[in-house]
């Protein structure tokens, strides 16, 4: 099985390296620490196949988006 760096994973997934690090931190992507960086098994990328891309949709007028309204 081929091992990939965080840069290579970011390119394949179309995300930033910081996002790959977040996947690792959230334990959604297994990785091994090698020096200052992580290496990821190519086969483990399939664990992220079901991820949602982009930002969540904005709430429509009249719907709550979870934020409290008030004075700043």
C-alpha atoms as a PDB file:
ATOM      1  CA  UNK A   1       0.000   0.000   0.000  1.00  0.00           C
ATOM      2  CA  UNK A   2       1.383   3.393  -0.972  1.00  0.00           C
ATOM      3  CA  UNK A   3       1.928   5.988   1.751  1.00  0.00           C
ATOM      4  CA  UNK A   4       1.102   9.644   1.076  1.00  0.00           C
ATOM      5  CA  UNK A   5       2.147  12.924   2.662  1.00  0.00           C
ATOM      6  CA  UNK A   6      -0.384  15.488   3.838  1.00  0.00           C
ATOM      7  CA  UNK A   7       0.434  17.578   0.754  1.00  0.00           C
ATOM      8  CA  UNK A   8      -0.340  14.668  -1.565  1.00  0.00           C
ATOM      9  CA  UNK A   9      -3.582  13.889   0.278  1.00  0.00           C
ATOM     10  CA  UNK A  10      -4.648  17.539   0.083  1.00  0.00           C
ATOM     11  CA  UNK A  11      -4.073  17.551  -3.695  1.00  0.00           C
ATOM     12  CA  UNK A  12      -6.062  14.341  -4.202  1.00  0.00           C
ATOM     13  CA  UNK A  13      -8.985  15.515  -2.085  1.00  0.00           C
ATOM     14  CA  UNK A  14      -8.956  19.084  -3.382  1.00  0.00           C
ATOM     15  CA  UNK A  15      -8.595  20.584   0.101  1.00  0.00           C
ATOM     16  CA  UNK A  16      -5.907  22.470   2.011  1.00  0.00           C
ATOM     17  CA  UNK A  17      -3.179  20.806   4.050  1.00  0.00           C
ATOM     18  CA  UNK A  18      -4.747  22.405   7.130  1.00  0.00           C
ATOM     19  CA  UNK A  19      -8.016  20.591   6.359  1.00  0.00           C
ATOM     20  CA  UNK A  20      -6.130  17.277   6.119  1.00  0.00           C
ATOM     21  CA  UNK A  21      -4.597  17.985   9.533  1.00  0.00           C
ATOM     22  CA  UNK A  22      -8.116  18.658  10.857  1.00  0.00           C
ATOM     23  CA  UNK A  23      -9.313  15.284   9.501  1.00  0.00           C
ATOM     24  CA  UNK A  24      -6.405  13.648  11.351  1.00  0.00           C
ATOM     25  CA  UNK A  25      -7.084  15.581  14.565  1.00  0.00           C
ATOM     26  CA  UNK A  26     -10.794  14.665  14.399  1.00  0.00           C
ATOM     27  CA  UNK A  27      -9.755  11.001  13.940  1.00  0.00           C
ATOM     28  CA  UNK A  28     -11.567  10.800  10.603  1.00  0.00           C
ATOM     29  CA  UNK A  29      -8.309   9.979   8.802  1.00  0.00           C
ATOM     30  CA  UNK A  30      -5.760   7.590  10.354  1.00  0.00           C
ATOM     31  CA  UNK A  31      -2.165   8.782  10.063  1.00  0.00           C
ATOM     32  CA  UNK A  32       1.294   8.067  11.403  1.00  0.00           C
ATOM     33  CA  UNK A  33       3.584  10.835  12.606  1.00  0.00           C
ATOM     34  CA  UNK A  34       6.911  10.925  10.757  1.00  0.00           C
ATOM     35  CA  UNK A  35       9.121  13.703  12.042  1.00  0.00           C
ATOM     36  CA  UNK A  36       7.168  16.942  11.631  1.00  0.00           C
ATOM     37  CA  UNK A  37       4.622  15.576   9.181  1.00  0.00           C
ATOM     38  CA  UNK A  38       2.109  12.774   8.909  1.00  0.00           C
ATOM     39  CA  UNK A  39       1.911   9.932   6.420  1.00  0.00           C
ATOM     40  CA  UNK A  40      -1.398   8.465   5.354  1.00  0.00           C
ATOM     41  CA  UNK A  41      -2.109   5.126   3.736  1.00  0.00           C
ATOM     42  CA  UNK A  42      -3.599   5.538   0.247  1.00  0.00           C
ATOM     43  CA  UNK A  43      -6.323   3.020   1.124  1.00  0.00           C
ATOM     44  CA  UNK A  44      -7.493   5.153   4.049  1.00  0.00           C
ATOM     45  CA  UNK A  45      -8.615   7.945   1.716  1.00  0.00           C
ATOM     46  CA  UNK A  46     -11.800   5.970   1.063  1.00  0.00           C
ATOM     47  CA  UNK A  47     -12.811   6.750   4.671  1.00  0.00           C
ATOM     48  CA  UNK A  48     -13.470  10.315   3.520  1.00  0.00           C
ATOM     49  CA  UNK A  49     -15.635   9.383   0.525  1.00  0.00           C
ATOM     50  CA  UNK A  50     -18.818  10.288   2.384  1.00  0.00           C
ATOM     51  CA  UNK A  51     -17.633  13.731   3.529  1.00  0.00           C
ATOM     52  CA  UNK A  52     -19.688  16.779   2.687  1.00  0.00           C
ATOM     53  CA  UNK A  53     -17.843  19.417   0.734  1.00  0.00           C
ATOM     54  CA  UNK A  54     -18.204  23.155   1.049  1.00  0.00           C
ATOM     55  CA  UNK A  55     -19.920  25.211   3.681  1.00  0.00           C
ATOM     56  CA  UNK A  56     -23.289  24.287   5.131  1.00  0.00           C
ATOM     57  CA  UNK A  57     -26.207  26.072   3.431  1.00  0.00           C
ATOM     58  CA  UNK A  58     -27.405  29.320   4.976  1.00  0.00           C
ATOM     59  CA  UNK A  59     -30.666  29.256   6.890  1.00  0.00           C
ATOM     60  CA  UNK A  60     -33.672  30.626   5.033  1.00  0.00           C
ATOM     61  CA  UNK A  61     -35.359  33.739   6.444  1.00  0.00           C
ATOM     62  CA  UNK A  62     -37.441  32.826   9.455  1.00  0.00           C
ATOM     63  CA  UNK A  63     -35.381  29.722  10.255  1.00  0.00           C
ATOM     64  CA  UNK A  64     -32.913  29.564  13.102  1.00  0.00           C
ATOM     65  CA  UNK A  65     -29.262  29.057  12.235  1.00  0.00           C
ATOM     66  CA  UNK A  66     -28.332  28.307  15.828  1.00  0.00           C
ATOM     67  CA  UNK A  67     -26.945  31.780  16.558  1.00  0.00           C
ATOM     68  CA  UNK A  68     -28.440  33.972  19.236  1.00  0.00           C
ATOM     69  CA  UNK A  69     -29.544  37.448  18.268  1.00  0.00           C
ATOM     70  CA  UNK A  70     -28.692  40.326  20.514  1.00  0.00           C
ATOM     71  CA  UNK A  71     -26.805  43.554  20.930  1.00  0.00           C
ATOM     72  CA  UNK A  72     -23.118  43.600  20.202  1.00  0.00           C
END
